[in-house]
Protein backbone atom coordinates (compact mmCIF):
# COMPACT_ATOMS: atom_id res chain seq x y z
CA MET A 1 85.72 134.68 112.34
CA ASP A 2 85.88 137.32 109.61
CA GLU A 3 83.12 136.71 107.06
CA THR A 4 85.48 137.38 104.14
CA PRO A 5 87.28 134.09 103.29
CA VAL A 6 91.06 134.22 103.58
CA LEU A 7 91.12 132.15 100.40
CA GLU A 8 88.43 131.69 97.78
CA LEU A 9 88.42 129.63 94.57
CA ARG A 10 85.75 130.27 91.96
CA GLY A 11 85.13 127.94 89.02
CA ILE A 12 88.61 126.40 88.97
CA THR A 13 89.06 124.12 85.96
CA LYS A 14 92.17 122.15 85.01
CA GLN A 15 92.54 119.65 82.19
CA PHE A 16 95.43 117.38 81.33
CA PRO A 17 95.60 115.29 78.13
CA GLY A 18 92.59 112.98 78.36
CA ILE A 19 91.78 113.93 81.96
CA LEU A 20 89.54 116.64 83.40
CA ALA A 21 91.20 116.92 86.81
CA ASN A 22 89.17 119.87 88.16
CA ASP A 23 85.74 120.76 86.78
CA HIS A 24 84.56 124.29 87.80
CA ILE A 25 85.31 123.84 91.50
CA ASP A 26 84.33 126.42 94.13
CA PHE A 27 86.09 126.33 97.49
CA ASP A 28 86.72 128.77 100.33
CA LEU A 29 88.81 128.84 103.50
CA ARG A 30 87.71 130.92 106.47
CA ASP A 31 89.97 132.67 108.93
CA GLY A 32 91.06 130.38 111.77
CA GLU A 33 89.57 127.10 110.53
CA VAL A 34 90.69 123.69 109.39
CA HIS A 35 88.90 122.92 106.13
CA ALA A 36 89.29 119.31 105.01
CA LEU A 37 89.39 118.42 101.33
CA LEU A 38 88.21 114.85 101.00
CA GLY A 39 88.02 112.56 97.99
CA GLU A 40 89.11 109.35 96.31
CA ASN A 41 92.56 108.92 94.79
CA GLY A 42 92.48 110.86 91.55
CA ALA A 43 89.49 113.00 92.59
CA GLY A 44 91.48 116.19 91.94
CA LYS A 45 92.40 117.24 95.48
CA SER A 46 96.15 117.62 94.99
CA THR A 47 95.72 119.22 91.56
CA LEU A 48 93.42 121.87 93.03
CA MET A 49 95.88 122.71 95.79
CA ASN A 50 98.83 122.68 93.41
CA ILE A 51 96.99 125.43 91.52
CA VAL A 52 96.62 127.40 94.75
CA TYR A 53 100.36 126.94 95.42
CA GLY A 54 101.29 128.08 91.92
CA LEU A 55 102.66 124.75 90.70
CA TYR A 56 99.92 124.52 88.06
CA SER A 57 97.98 127.22 86.24
CA ALA A 58 94.21 126.84 86.05
CA ASP A 59 92.62 126.72 82.59
CA ASP A 60 89.67 128.69 83.92
CA GLY A 61 88.45 130.29 87.16
CA GLU A 62 89.90 132.75 89.63
CA ILE A 63 91.54 132.88 93.06
CA ALA A 64 91.00 135.55 95.71
CA ILE A 65 92.96 136.10 98.93
CA LYS A 66 91.11 138.12 101.58
CA GLY A 67 88.68 139.33 98.94
CA LYS A 68 91.32 140.46 96.43
CA ARG A 69 91.76 138.59 93.16
CA VAL A 70 95.31 137.32 92.67
CA GLN A 71 97.39 135.58 90.01
CA LEU A 72 99.54 132.75 91.36
CA SER A 73 102.03 131.84 88.65
CA SER A 74 104.64 130.11 90.81
CA PRO A 75 105.25 128.88 94.37
CA HIS A 76 107.17 132.12 94.91
CA ASP A 77 103.94 134.07 94.24
CA ALA A 78 102.04 131.86 96.69
CA ILE A 79 104.69 132.19 99.40
CA ASP A 80 104.72 135.99 98.99
CA ARG A 81 100.97 135.96 99.66
CA GLY A 82 101.28 133.86 102.81
CA ILE A 83 100.54 130.40 101.41
CA GLY A 84 102.65 127.42 102.44
CA MET A 85 102.27 123.81 101.32
CA VAL A 86 103.55 120.55 102.78
CA HIS A 87 103.49 117.90 100.08
CA GLN A 88 102.69 114.23 100.63
CA HIS A 89 106.22 113.26 99.60
CA PHE A 90 108.55 115.60 101.49
CA MET A 91 110.88 117.93 99.61
CA LEU A 92 113.87 117.88 101.94
CA ILE A 93 117.57 117.34 101.27
CA PRO A 94 118.65 114.34 103.40
CA VAL A 95 122.33 115.28 103.85
CA MET A 96 121.56 118.83 105.03
CA THR A 97 120.61 119.84 108.56
CA VAL A 98 117.18 120.86 109.77
CA THR A 99 118.27 124.51 109.84
CA GLU A 100 119.76 124.39 106.34
CA ASN A 101 116.58 122.87 104.91
CA ILE A 102 114.30 125.40 106.60
CA VAL A 103 116.19 128.52 105.47
CA LEU A 104 117.11 127.21 102.00
CA ALA A 105 116.70 129.99 99.38
CA THR A 106 115.91 132.57 102.09
CA GLU A 107 119.14 132.33 104.08
CA PRO A 108 120.32 135.10 106.41
CA ARG A 109 123.75 136.18 105.23
CA THR A 110 126.88 137.76 106.62
CA GLY A 111 128.07 140.65 104.51
CA GLY A 112 125.41 139.78 101.95
CA VAL A 113 127.42 136.74 100.81
CA LEU A 114 128.04 133.98 103.37
CA LEU A 115 125.37 132.00 105.21
CA ASP A 116 124.93 133.27 108.76
CA TYR A 117 124.30 129.83 110.23
CA SER A 118 124.08 131.02 113.83
CA ALA A 119 121.36 133.54 112.93
CA ALA A 120 119.49 130.90 110.93
CA ARG A 121 119.78 128.41 113.77
CA GLN A 122 118.52 130.96 116.29
CA ARG A 123 115.49 131.75 114.12
CA VAL A 124 114.67 128.03 113.81
CA LEU A 125 114.95 127.62 117.60
CA GLU A 126 112.60 130.57 118.12
CA LEU A 127 110.04 129.11 115.75
CA SER A 128 110.33 125.66 117.32
CA LYS A 129 109.74 127.13 120.78
CA ARG A 130 106.82 129.31 119.67
CA PHE A 131 104.96 126.43 118.01
CA ASN A 132 106.04 123.70 120.48
CA PHE A 133 108.05 121.71 117.94
CA ALA A 134 110.68 119.43 119.46
CA ILE A 135 113.27 119.64 116.67
CA ASP A 136 117.07 119.57 116.87
CA PRO A 137 118.16 122.36 114.47
CA ASP A 138 121.54 120.68 113.88
CA ALA A 139 120.24 117.17 113.10
CA LYS A 140 120.57 115.90 109.55
CA ILE A 141 117.30 115.09 107.83
CA GLN A 142 118.44 111.54 107.07
CA ASN A 143 118.82 110.87 110.81
CA ILE A 144 115.38 112.00 112.04
CA THR A 145 112.00 110.25 111.96
CA VAL A 146 109.35 110.76 109.30
CA GLY A 147 107.17 112.61 111.82
CA GLN A 148 110.02 115.00 112.61
CA GLN A 149 110.68 115.53 108.90
CA GLN A 150 107.06 116.60 108.49
CA ARG A 151 107.50 119.16 111.28
CA VAL A 152 110.53 120.49 109.43
CA GLU A 153 108.34 120.95 106.34
CA ILE A 154 105.77 122.84 108.42
CA LEU A 155 108.51 124.98 109.96
CA LYS A 156 109.75 125.82 106.46
CA ALA A 157 106.33 127.30 105.68
CA LEU A 158 106.14 129.15 109.00
CA TYR A 159 109.65 130.53 108.50
CA ARG A 160 108.33 132.14 105.31
CA ASN A 161 105.46 133.72 107.29
CA ALA A 162 102.67 131.52 105.97
CA ASP A 163 99.22 132.16 107.40
CA ILE A 164 97.50 129.70 105.05
CA LEU A 165 98.90 126.18 105.34
CA ILE A 166 98.06 123.37 102.87
CA LEU A 167 98.77 119.84 104.09
CA ASP A 168 98.58 117.16 101.38
CA GLU A 169 97.81 113.74 102.90
CA PRO A 170 99.83 114.65 106.01
CA THR A 171 99.20 111.38 107.88
CA ALA A 172 99.85 108.99 104.98
CA VAL A 173 103.39 108.24 106.20
CA LEU A 174 102.84 108.70 109.93
CA THR A 175 102.25 106.20 112.70
CA PRO A 176 99.03 106.60 114.71
CA GLN A 177 101.05 108.17 117.53
CA GLU A 178 102.69 110.66 115.15
CA ALA A 179 99.29 111.51 113.66
CA THR A 180 97.95 112.31 117.12
CA GLU A 181 100.94 114.57 117.76
CA LEU A 182 100.37 116.28 114.40
CA PHE A 183 96.74 117.05 115.26
CA ALA A 184 97.83 118.69 118.51
CA ILE A 185 100.29 120.81 116.51
CA LEU A 186 97.59 121.83 114.01
CA LYS A 187 95.25 122.92 116.80
CA ASP A 188 98.05 125.08 118.24
CA LEU A 189 98.69 126.60 114.80
CA VAL A 190 95.02 127.51 114.38
CA ALA A 191 94.99 129.01 117.87
CA GLN A 192 97.93 131.22 116.80
CA GLY A 193 96.11 132.54 113.76
CA LEU A 194 96.73 130.11 110.89
CA SER A 195 94.07 128.74 108.54
CA ILE A 196 94.62 125.18 107.32
CA ILE A 197 93.54 123.11 104.33
CA PHE A 198 93.79 119.44 105.26
CA ILE A 199 93.79 117.09 102.25
CA SER A 200 92.94 113.55 103.25
CA HIS A 201 91.05 110.36 102.52
CA LYS A 202 90.90 109.14 106.14
CA LEU A 203 87.39 109.70 107.39
CA ASN A 204 88.06 109.37 111.12
CA GLU A 205 90.87 111.93 110.96
CA VAL A 206 88.77 114.40 109.00
CA LEU A 207 85.99 114.15 111.57
CA ASP A 208 88.54 114.66 114.35
CA ILE A 209 90.37 117.73 113.02
CA ALA A 210 88.17 119.60 110.51
CA ASP A 211 85.67 122.41 111.04
CA ARG A 212 84.22 121.99 107.55
CA ILE A 213 84.58 119.27 104.93
CA THR A 214 84.48 119.59 101.13
CA VAL A 215 84.13 116.38 99.12
CA LEU A 216 85.41 115.99 95.55
CA ARG A 217 84.48 113.13 93.26
CA ARG A 218 86.02 112.61 89.80
CA GLY A 219 87.10 116.22 89.55
CA LYS A 220 83.83 117.79 90.70
CA LYS A 221 82.76 119.28 94.02
CA VAL A 222 80.03 117.17 95.58
CA GLU A 223 79.31 119.11 98.78
CA THR A 224 80.69 121.24 101.60
CA ILE A 225 79.36 120.37 105.04
CA PRO A 226 80.15 121.24 108.67
CA ARG A 227 81.75 118.57 110.82
CA GLU A 228 78.77 118.56 113.18
CA GLY A 229 76.41 115.83 112.09
CA ALA A 230 78.81 114.32 109.54
CA THR A 231 79.41 110.56 109.74
CA GLU A 232 82.00 108.21 108.27
CA GLU A 233 79.29 106.33 106.37
CA GLY A 234 77.86 109.52 104.88
CA LEU A 235 81.27 110.88 103.86
CA ALA A 236 82.26 107.54 102.30
CA ARG A 237 79.05 107.49 100.27
CA SER A 238 79.65 111.07 99.14
CA MET A 239 83.25 110.29 98.11
CA VAL A 240 82.55 107.12 96.18
CA GLY A 241 78.97 107.64 95.02
CA ARG A 242 77.74 104.38 96.54
CA GLU A 243 77.52 102.57 99.84
CA VAL A 244 80.96 101.49 101.08
CA LEU A 245 81.63 98.58 103.41
CA LEU A 246 83.82 100.07 106.13
CA ARG A 247 84.48 96.71 107.81
CA VAL A 248 85.89 93.62 106.13
CA ASP A 249 83.34 90.93 105.37
CA LYS A 250 85.06 87.55 105.47
CA THR A 251 84.44 83.97 106.50
CA ASN A 252 86.58 82.00 108.92
CA ALA A 253 89.97 80.91 107.61
CA ARG A 254 90.60 77.36 106.47
CA PRO A 255 94.38 77.00 106.80
CA GLY A 256 96.07 74.49 104.55
CA ASP A 257 99.72 73.58 104.03
CA LYS A 258 102.52 75.63 105.52
CA LEU A 259 103.73 77.91 102.69
CA LEU A 260 106.03 80.36 104.52
CA GLU A 261 108.27 79.33 107.40
CA VAL A 262 110.68 81.59 109.27
CA GLU A 263 113.07 80.09 111.81
CA ASP A 264 115.21 82.09 114.27
CA LEU A 265 115.67 84.92 111.77
CA ARG A 266 118.21 87.58 112.63
CA VAL A 267 118.66 90.73 110.55
CA LEU A 268 121.00 93.73 110.84
CA ASP A 269 120.07 97.29 109.91
CA ASP A 270 122.24 99.71 107.91
CA ARG A 271 124.21 100.52 111.06
CA GLU A 272 125.10 96.83 111.51
CA LEU A 273 122.87 96.62 114.60
CA GLU A 274 120.66 93.57 115.10
CA VAL A 275 117.06 94.79 114.76
CA VAL A 276 115.34 91.46 114.04
CA ARG A 277 116.30 89.14 116.87
CA GLY A 278 115.45 85.47 116.57
CA VAL A 279 112.04 85.75 114.92
CA SER A 280 110.17 82.52 114.18
CA PHE A 281 106.68 82.11 112.68
CA ASP A 282 104.84 80.45 109.84
CA VAL A 283 101.99 81.29 107.49
CA HIS A 284 99.72 78.62 106.02
CA GLY A 285 97.87 78.71 102.76
CA GLY A 286 94.36 80.03 103.30
CA GLU A 287 95.16 82.42 106.15
CA ILE A 288 96.20 86.02 106.72
CA VAL A 289 98.77 86.53 109.44
CA GLY A 290 99.08 90.13 110.58
CA ILE A 291 102.20 91.64 112.13
CA ALA A 292 101.35 94.54 114.42
CA GLY A 293 103.82 96.92 115.99
CA VAL A 294 104.84 100.51 116.45
CA ASP A 295 106.94 101.71 113.52
CA GLY A 296 110.68 101.18 113.94
CA ASN A 297 110.57 97.83 115.73
CA GLY A 298 112.17 95.84 112.91
CA GLN A 299 109.27 95.61 110.45
CA THR A 300 111.16 97.09 107.50
CA GLU A 301 114.23 94.90 107.98
CA LEU A 302 112.08 91.79 108.45
CA ILE A 303 110.21 92.44 105.20
CA ASP A 304 113.47 93.17 103.35
CA ALA A 305 114.95 89.87 104.53
CA LEU A 306 111.86 87.88 103.51
CA ALA A 307 111.77 89.56 100.09
CA GLY A 308 115.49 89.00 99.39
CA LEU A 309 116.41 92.68 99.61
CA ARG A 310 118.58 92.28 102.73
CA LYS A 311 120.80 89.36 103.65
CA PRO A 312 119.91 87.78 107.00
CA ALA A 313 122.59 87.48 109.66
CA GLY A 314 121.16 84.14 110.73
CA GLY A 315 118.16 81.83 110.61
CA ARG A 316 116.17 80.22 107.80
CA ILE A 317 113.43 81.26 105.36
CA LEU A 318 111.42 78.61 103.52
CA ILE A 319 108.74 78.93 100.87
CA GLY A 320 106.91 75.63 100.66
CA GLU A 321 109.62 73.13 101.52
CA LYS A 322 112.38 75.00 99.69
CA GLU A 323 114.94 76.96 101.69
CA LEU A 324 115.55 80.38 100.18
CA THR A 325 117.51 82.11 102.95
CA GLY A 326 120.37 83.13 100.67
CA ALA A 327 118.38 83.40 97.46
CA SER A 328 118.02 86.61 95.47
CA ALA A 329 114.80 88.57 95.18
CA HIS A 330 114.42 87.31 91.59
CA VAL A 331 114.67 83.66 92.65
CA ARG A 332 112.08 84.21 95.38
CA LEU A 333 109.69 85.74 92.86
CA GLU A 334 110.16 82.68 90.66
CA GLU A 335 109.39 80.44 93.65
CA GLY A 336 106.03 82.12 94.20
CA LEU A 337 106.66 85.14 96.44
CA GLY A 338 104.74 88.35 95.86
CA HIS A 339 105.81 91.56 97.57
CA ILE A 340 103.81 94.76 98.00
CA PRO A 341 106.53 97.04 99.46
CA GLU A 342 105.87 99.67 102.10
CA ASP A 343 107.45 102.41 99.99
CA ARG A 344 105.84 102.33 96.54
CA GLN A 345 108.12 105.01 95.09
CA ARG A 346 111.49 103.66 96.25
CA ARG A 347 110.78 99.94 96.12
CA GLY A 348 107.57 99.38 94.17
CA LEU A 349 107.91 101.37 90.96
CA VAL A 350 110.37 102.85 88.52
CA LEU A 351 108.85 106.31 88.29
CA ASP A 352 110.45 107.10 84.92
CA PHE A 353 109.00 103.92 83.37
CA SER A 354 105.52 103.70 81.90
CA LEU A 355 102.73 101.88 83.74
CA ALA A 356 102.92 99.05 81.23
CA GLU A 357 106.67 98.68 81.80
CA ASN A 358 106.21 98.70 85.58
CA ILE A 359 103.50 96.05 85.42
CA ALA A 360 105.78 93.86 83.25
CA LEU A 361 108.89 94.28 85.43
CA HIS A 362 108.86 90.72 86.80
CA ASP A 363 107.80 88.86 83.65
CA TYR A 364 108.92 90.86 80.62
CA ASP A 365 111.40 88.13 79.62
CA LYS A 366 108.81 85.33 79.57
CA PRO A 367 105.99 84.37 77.20
CA PRO A 368 103.68 85.89 76.15
CA PHE A 369 105.69 89.14 76.56
CA SER A 370 108.93 87.78 75.08
CA ARG A 371 109.83 85.01 72.68
CA TRP A 372 113.33 84.02 71.55
CA GLY A 373 114.70 87.11 73.29
CA TRP A 374 112.34 89.54 71.52
CA LEU A 375 109.94 91.71 73.53
CA ASN A 376 106.36 91.98 72.26
CA PRO A 377 105.25 95.52 73.25
CA ARG A 378 101.67 94.90 72.12
CA ARG A 379 101.23 92.08 74.66
CA VAL A 380 102.73 94.24 77.40
CA ILE A 381 100.30 97.07 76.59
CA GLU A 382 97.30 94.71 76.39
CA ARG A 383 98.00 93.22 79.82
CA ALA A 384 98.57 96.62 81.38
CA SER A 385 95.35 97.98 79.90
CA ARG A 386 93.36 95.07 81.35
CA LEU A 387 94.90 95.39 84.83
CA LEU A 388 94.58 99.19 84.97
CA THR A 389 90.86 98.78 84.32
CA GLU A 390 90.47 95.87 86.74
CA TYR A 391 92.22 97.75 89.56
CA ASP A 392 90.53 101.08 88.76
CA VAL A 393 93.79 102.97 88.25
CA ARG A 394 92.88 106.55 87.42
CA GLY A 395 94.88 109.32 85.83
CA GLY A 396 96.87 107.29 83.36
CA ALA A 397 96.98 104.85 80.46
CA PRO A 398 99.51 102.05 79.79
CA ARG A 399 102.04 104.49 78.30
CA THR A 400 101.68 107.07 81.11
CA LEU A 401 104.79 107.46 83.29
CA ALA A 402 104.33 106.04 86.79
CA GLY A 403 105.62 109.28 88.31
CA ALA A 404 102.66 111.18 86.83
CA LEU A 405 100.07 109.33 88.95
CA SER A 406 98.83 110.25 92.41
CA GLY A 407 100.29 108.22 95.28
CA GLY A 408 97.15 106.15 95.72
CA ASN A 409 96.99 105.21 92.05
CA GLN A 410 100.68 104.31 92.10
CA GLN A 411 99.85 101.91 94.92
CA LYS A 412 97.11 100.31 92.83
CA VAL A 413 99.63 99.67 90.04
CA VAL A 414 101.90 97.82 92.48
CA LEU A 415 98.96 95.77 93.76
CA ALA A 416 97.88 94.93 90.22
CA ARG A 417 101.35 93.65 89.30
CA GLU A 418 101.94 91.58 92.43
CA ILE A 419 98.50 90.00 92.83
CA SER A 420 98.03 89.26 89.12
CA ARG A 421 101.10 86.98 89.20
CA ASN A 422 99.17 84.57 91.51
CA PRO A 423 101.91 84.16 94.13
CA ARG A 424 101.84 81.31 96.64
CA VAL A 425 102.97 83.70 99.39
CA LEU A 426 102.02 87.38 99.35
CA ILE A 427 103.77 89.88 101.61
CA ALA A 428 101.58 92.96 101.91
CA ALA A 429 103.45 95.77 103.68
CA GLN A 430 101.29 98.85 104.36
CA PRO A 431 99.07 97.82 101.39
CA THR A 432 96.55 100.63 101.84
CA ARG A 433 98.92 103.46 102.73
CA GLY A 434 97.70 106.55 100.87
CA LEU A 435 94.51 104.91 99.58
CA ASP A 436 90.98 106.31 99.86
CA VAL A 437 88.10 104.49 101.50
CA GLY A 438 86.80 102.97 98.26
CA ALA A 439 90.24 101.73 97.24
CA ILE A 440 90.86 100.36 100.75
CA GLU A 441 87.62 98.36 100.48
CA PHE A 442 88.82 97.00 97.11
CA VAL A 443 92.29 96.05 98.41
CA HIS A 444 90.89 94.35 101.50
CA LYS A 445 88.51 92.29 99.35
CA ARG A 446 91.41 91.28 97.08
CA LEU A 447 93.57 90.19 100.02
CA VAL A 448 90.72 88.13 101.46
CA ALA A 449 90.10 86.64 98.01
CA GLU A 450 93.78 85.68 97.79
CA ARG A 451 93.46 83.99 101.17
CA ASP A 452 90.32 82.17 100.10
CA THR A 453 92.04 80.75 97.00
CA GLY A 454 94.63 79.12 99.23
CA ARG A 455 97.43 81.67 99.24
CA ALA A 456 99.42 82.57 102.34
CA VAL A 457 99.19 86.28 103.11
CA LEU A 458 101.56 88.07 105.50
CA LEU A 459 100.13 91.49 106.36
CA VAL A 460 102.39 94.12 107.93
CA SER A 461 100.52 97.30 108.80
CA LEU A 462 100.65 100.24 111.19
CA GLU A 463 96.84 100.55 110.95
CA LEU A 464 95.35 98.68 113.90
CA ASP A 465 91.89 98.61 112.30
CA GLU A 466 93.39 96.92 109.26
CA ILE A 467 95.27 94.34 111.32
CA LEU A 468 92.21 93.54 113.43
CA SER A 469 89.73 93.29 110.57
CA LEU A 470 91.88 91.32 108.09
CA SER A 471 94.04 89.00 110.19
CA ASP A 472 93.24 85.42 111.12
CA ARG A 473 96.21 85.47 113.52
CA ILE A 474 98.06 88.51 114.90
CA LEU A 475 101.75 88.55 115.85
CA VAL A 476 103.13 91.51 117.78
CA LEU A 477 106.65 92.65 116.91
CA TYR A 478 108.42 94.64 119.62
CA GLU A 479 112.13 95.53 119.58
CA GLY A 480 112.74 92.97 116.86
CA GLN A 481 111.05 90.04 118.59
CA ILE A 482 107.63 88.37 118.37
CA VAL A 483 106.36 89.02 121.89
CA ARG A 484 102.70 87.93 121.65
CA GLU A 485 100.28 86.09 119.41
CA PHE A 486 96.58 86.95 119.42
CA SER A 487 93.37 85.87 117.77
CA PRO A 488 91.59 88.63 115.80
CA ASP A 489 89.00 89.17 118.54
CA VAL A 490 91.63 90.74 120.83
CA GLY A 491 90.76 94.20 122.12
CA GLU A 492 92.63 97.25 120.84
CA GLU A 493 93.80 98.11 124.36
CA GLU A 494 95.36 94.70 124.99
CA LEU A 495 96.98 94.75 121.57
CA GLY A 496 98.29 98.27 122.19
CA ILE A 497 99.84 97.23 125.50
CA ALA A 498 101.70 94.39 123.78
CA MET A 499 102.87 96.72 120.98
CA THR A 500 104.52 99.02 123.52
CA GLY A 501 106.28 96.20 125.37
CA GLY A 502 103.78 95.43 128.11
CA ARG A 503 103.58 91.85 129.40
CA ARG A 504 106.61 90.68 127.44
CA GLY A 505 107.51 87.04 127.40
CA GLU A 506 103.92 85.82 127.18
CA ALA A 507 103.96 84.97 123.48
CA ALA A 508 101.62 82.18 122.68
CA ALA A 509 103.19 78.90 121.80
């Protein structure tokens, strides 16, 4: 490797009103390496990289590319200097094709006016072949998987000749299988001359992919270390500033009354195809039931039906002894259902509302927030302030817009709202998606605490470690059916076989 860093940051400082996001941070990226940027939610990782990409301007400090100081005032400046960035929440246009998204704003033209689609398509095919991306250039974004959409984002950067690639939480929305495929792609990219900054909070992934690791904590750089000799425990301690329990500490469940009952549930997807096919199960108070499965096997539609967001095609849903199959989402909330949705931005929050307004969404029309039809803003602010502190939401106050927070802190706001309502039944769908190790520890403790107070918790997660460590019973969903039931001491291999359809028809009675 060349000793001169391909990218160097010196003393980068960035302050927002009331928040010091980056405090004199030094960072460098060497030629042909993957350098991981690790830290808690709100530690300043994304802010630092947004400065590198020209989305923000630093208040102090300087940036050098290959030893030459540069001024990056916009993404256009960054792209011109070979920097590409793939954001955590993709910036693609769903109704346009893969090719149209990749060449957008840099389109080859016929006669200098009209889009030369065939030339654009050919260039995308060449890039896909060179970097071993299996992408249909004519597919519409709305019809491809999340993992494929991420490859489109990477191809967009490569199309613009990026040799420095910034990936912001690239596995936050991927299945374990897609994450493995992404790592193989990144290794190929490095072998072909790219240098990569990998922003993450997942310790095992950082240790798997990175050559060096820089840890940020509360806006400051803590350390930069080589991967060799680094451990998950040491990195967690460096991130959080204390010892972190990486495994869930819980006692045996003491199941009580049946609080959620699902009988022969059938649900159609948006194409009118049956994707939940005769599912039956129950969840008792005082237990956590985990649903494991590869993404796309009916989990989303099942959760939507339980939460009242999608009308079932058949079957029954009961909370306590009350049938709520045809009830609205509002009625289900009133009957004691809590719902942590898998997509916090589309289903969990109104991004243009303040944090206080989001926390009050379910109960704004009830005392103490409202009386005789009049809203009491002071009570709304007081409750939000208490919950934001209790759930360690960083980067915002009660009047801060939800869209201004990092993804992990947005998730904490959703958790605060749903758990604080003391539901009888809590559906937790991907509850730790996008959270750092300290926040994951906190969420897991809260879910166990909810169980121990007698609530029924239904956990739906793509993280096998989470399913295995939290669940008192595990149900495997495959092609819309419950195909197996396991105790939590099942091995990962046996569980994985069931998740991919092996030994079907052996579901426990």
